[in-house]
Amino acid sequence: MDDLVQTVGLQSIIEANGLAGQGADFEELYSSLSATGARDDILYAMESVVHTYFAQLELPENPTLYDHMVLCLRHKDLIATFNWDPLLPQAMGRVAKRFGEDILPQTLYLHGNVEIGYCGNHERPTMGFLGNNCGKCGAPLSRSDLLFPVAEKNYTEDPFISGSWEHLKKYLSHAFIFTVFGYRAPKTDIDAVRLITDAWGPGTSRELEEIEMVDIRPGHELYANWESMICREHYRTMNDFYQSLAAQHPRRSCEDFWEAIMQCNPQNDRPIPRSASWSELESWVTPLLEQERREASRET
């Protein structure tokens, strides 16, 4: 957010409306304008520029961290993101084409996303890529709003965002491993942090659950952000996603962690090959997928 104004090209709007110097970054400027309630035309212009910028972003052809994150998780797992950019949806789409939709984790877009639309004709809105139709009723998917930084976000007004938060709260209430990746819990997200901490519950209510914090900031700062949720020493901090349980024990992170702490049977790290090509990733992940599918067929 510190350099979003320059990155997406908002300077002309700011200068044309005499707003230079009114905010140190986009969050501060947008929040102050929103609080006045008198500059809707400026806010709309800003929103359009931001949406256009992020909608143009594309992943390179080679596998990226986004693809690795998707491959490291299973359908029982969940990625909930605050990012507006289309990079996670793009990774989900191309991993599905190569390996099958059944291997994908679930995804939620807590502040909206430029690539994702929804259908509000159902109690829980359906979700999909913009330009497609609803899989349930066939109606065209509507563009999800982007939830911009204001002091008090309304997470119940938009049905797509509201449904995403309800789903996240259900997941967090019984999650075993909770990984916070690059989310700094800014002061403009007080409501979001409260919803997350309430859904997980206080650390004293947990027994074995693990919290991971992946960020470039010092560990003590990360701990301070989520201290109320942490059960005793059941947390770890790191500055690289590839040090996380998901990346070190792909598609088996919860099972391997359970073996280590409950069965006194630590499992060897078997990290995702981060420099592998798509064909090499296919060779690596196929045995894991075959095992999962065999287990799923026995259960049914």
Foldseek 3Di string as FASTA:
>chain_A
DQCPCVVLPVVVLCVVVVNPPVDRGPLRSLQVVVVVVPPVVSVVVVQVSVLVVQAPDDDDPWDDPLLLLFQLAAQLDEAEDQDQHCHNVVSLVVVCVVPNNRGGYHYAHQQFYSQKFWDPPDPQIDMDGQPAADPPPRHHTHGFGGFGQHQDTDQCPGRRNVSRLVVVLVCLLDDQEAEAAADLCDNSCPVVLVSNDVSNDFLVVDDRGAYEYAAPDDPVSVCVSCVRNHNDPRYYYYPDPCVDLSQQRGHCSVVQSCCCPPVVHHDGGDGQPRVDGPVVSCVVCVVVVVVVVVVVVVVD
